[in-house]
Amino acid sequence: MHSYIQRGVIIMDTKIYRIPAIMEMTGLSRSWIYLAVSKGEFPKPIKIGKRAIGWPESVIKEWIQGKVQ
């Protein structure tokens, strides 16, 4: 289980997804995802290592749900 801080609150999550999984889940390209992150249109990733980032499962599910509605 991983934890991260969002808006000053520690969140416990079951999975952290790396970019290939995010691309598969959303159907979006790598370049679109990073561009959208820079514009504030897609959730920012969290640092999970010195040179690794990922997205918490709940954050991605929330973003997808917001797009569906």
C-alpha atoms as a PDB file:
ATOM      1  CA  MET A   1       0.000   0.000   0.000  1.00  0.00           C
ATOM      2  CA  HIS A   2       1.266   3.461  -0.883  1.00  0.00           C
ATOM      3  CA  SER A   3       0.492   6.773   0.729  1.00  0.00           C
ATOM      4  CA  TYR A   4       0.793  10.290  -0.633  1.00  0.00           C
ATOM      5  CA  ILE A   5      -0.180  13.807   0.368  1.00  0.00           C
ATOM      6  CA  GLN A   6      -2.979  15.594  -1.486  1.00  0.00           C
ATOM      7  CA  ARG A   7      -4.088  19.044  -0.330  1.00  0.00           C
ATOM      8  CA  GLY A   8      -2.251  18.544   2.963  1.00  0.00           C
ATOM      9  CA  VAL A   9      -3.989  15.235   3.744  1.00  0.00           C
ATOM     10  CA  ILE A  10      -2.237  11.849   3.748  1.00  0.00           C
ATOM     11  CA  ILE A  11      -4.089   9.492   1.425  1.00  0.00           C
ATOM     12  CA  MET A  12      -3.712   5.706   1.452  1.00  0.00           C
ATOM     13  CA  ASP A  13      -3.988   4.067  -1.930  1.00  0.00           C
ATOM     14  CA  THR A  14      -3.732   0.519  -3.155  1.00  0.00           C
ATOM     15  CA  LYS A  15      -2.001   1.110  -6.495  1.00  0.00           C
ATOM     16  CA  ILE A  16       0.291   3.601  -8.169  1.00  0.00           C
ATOM     17  CA  TYR A  17       0.057   3.522 -11.960  1.00  0.00           C
ATOM     18  CA  ARG A  18       3.006   4.334 -14.227  1.00  0.00           C
ATOM     19  CA  ILE A  19       2.609   6.067 -17.592  1.00  0.00           C
ATOM     20  CA  PRO A  20       2.019   2.918 -19.739  1.00  0.00           C
ATOM     21  CA  ALA A  21      -0.939   1.949 -17.537  1.00  0.00           C
ATOM     22  CA  ILE A  22      -2.297   5.518 -17.583  1.00  0.00           C
ATOM     23  CA  MET A  23      -2.091   5.538 -21.389  1.00  0.00           C
ATOM     24  CA  GLU A  24      -3.981   2.235 -21.536  1.00  0.00           C
ATOM     25  CA  MET A  25      -6.633   3.313 -19.004  1.00  0.00           C
ATOM     26  CA  THR A  26      -7.340   6.667 -20.652  1.00  0.00           C
ATOM     27  CA  GLY A  27      -6.603   5.972 -24.313  1.00  0.00           C
ATOM     28  CA  LEU A  28      -4.430   9.098 -24.352  1.00  0.00           C
ATOM     29  CA  SER A  29      -0.891   9.442 -25.685  1.00  0.00           C
ATOM     30  CA  ARG A  30       2.143  10.044 -23.489  1.00  0.00           C
ATOM     31  CA  SER A  31       2.693  13.513 -24.976  1.00  0.00           C
ATOM     32  CA  TRP A  32      -0.969  14.537 -24.455  1.00  0.00           C
ATOM     33  CA  ILE A  33      -0.856  13.409 -20.823  1.00  0.00           C
ATOM     34  CA  TYR A  34       2.283  15.422 -20.035  1.00  0.00           C
ATOM     35  CA  LEU A  35       0.959  18.453 -21.927  1.00  0.00           C
ATOM     36  CA  ALA A  36      -2.345  18.242 -20.034  1.00  0.00           C
ATOM     37  CA  VAL A  37      -0.470  17.947 -16.717  1.00  0.00           C
ATOM     38  CA  SER A  38       1.484  21.127 -17.545  1.00  0.00           C
ATOM     39  CA  LYS A  39      -1.789  22.932 -18.374  1.00  0.00           C
ATOM     40  CA  GLY A  40      -3.527  21.687 -15.223  1.00  0.00           C
ATOM     41  CA  GLU A  41      -5.992  19.579 -17.247  1.00  0.00           C
ATOM     42  CA  PHE A  42      -4.778  16.219 -15.943  1.00  0.00           C
ATOM     43  CA  PRO A  43      -3.734  15.200 -12.415  1.00  0.00           C
ATOM     44  CA  LYS A  44      -0.097  15.749 -11.517  1.00  0.00           C
ATOM     45  CA  PRO A  45       1.911  12.602 -10.870  1.00  0.00           C
ATOM     46  CA  ILE A  46       3.622  11.905  -7.575  1.00  0.00           C
ATOM     47  CA  LYS A  47       7.283  11.080  -7.159  1.00  0.00           C
ATOM     48  CA  ILE A  48       7.789   7.412  -6.274  1.00  0.00           C
ATOM     49  CA  GLY A  49      11.549   7.240  -6.644  1.00  0.00           C
ATOM     50  CA  LYS A  50      14.562   9.278  -7.678  1.00  0.00           C
ATOM     51  CA  ARG A  51      13.621   9.095 -11.341  1.00  0.00           C
ATOM     52  CA  ALA A  52      10.145   7.588 -11.230  1.00  0.00           C
ATOM     53  CA  ILE A  53       6.653   9.049 -11.071  1.00  0.00           C
ATOM     54  CA  GLY A  54       3.190   7.547 -10.951  1.00  0.00           C
ATOM     55  CA  TRP A  55      -0.443   8.371 -10.424  1.00  0.00           C
ATOM     56  CA  PRO A  56      -2.487   7.081  -7.474  1.00  0.00           C
ATOM     57  CA  GLU A  57      -5.354   4.856  -8.560  1.00  0.00           C
ATOM     58  CA  SER A  58      -8.017   6.968  -6.846  1.00  0.00           C
ATOM     59  CA  VAL A  59      -6.871  10.186  -8.538  1.00  0.00           C
ATOM     60  CA  ILE A  60      -7.057   8.650 -12.015  1.00  0.00           C
ATOM     61  CA  LYS A  61     -10.425   7.020 -11.347  1.00  0.00           C
ATOM     62  CA  GLU A  62     -11.764  10.373 -10.106  1.00  0.00           C
ATOM     63  CA  TRP A  63     -10.464  12.146 -13.230  1.00  0.00           C
ATOM     64  CA  ILE A  64     -12.016   9.531 -15.541  1.00  0.00           C
ATOM     65  CA  GLN A  65     -15.328   9.730 -13.663  1.00  0.00           C
ATOM     66  CA  GLY A  66     -15.310  13.514 -14.059  1.00  0.00           C
ATOM     67  CA  LYS A  67     -14.852  13.127 -17.810  1.00  0.00           C
ATOM     68  CA  VAL A  68     -17.709  10.608 -18.085  1.00  0.00           C
ATOM     69  CA  GLN A  69     -20.224  12.862 -16.325  1.00  0.00           C
END
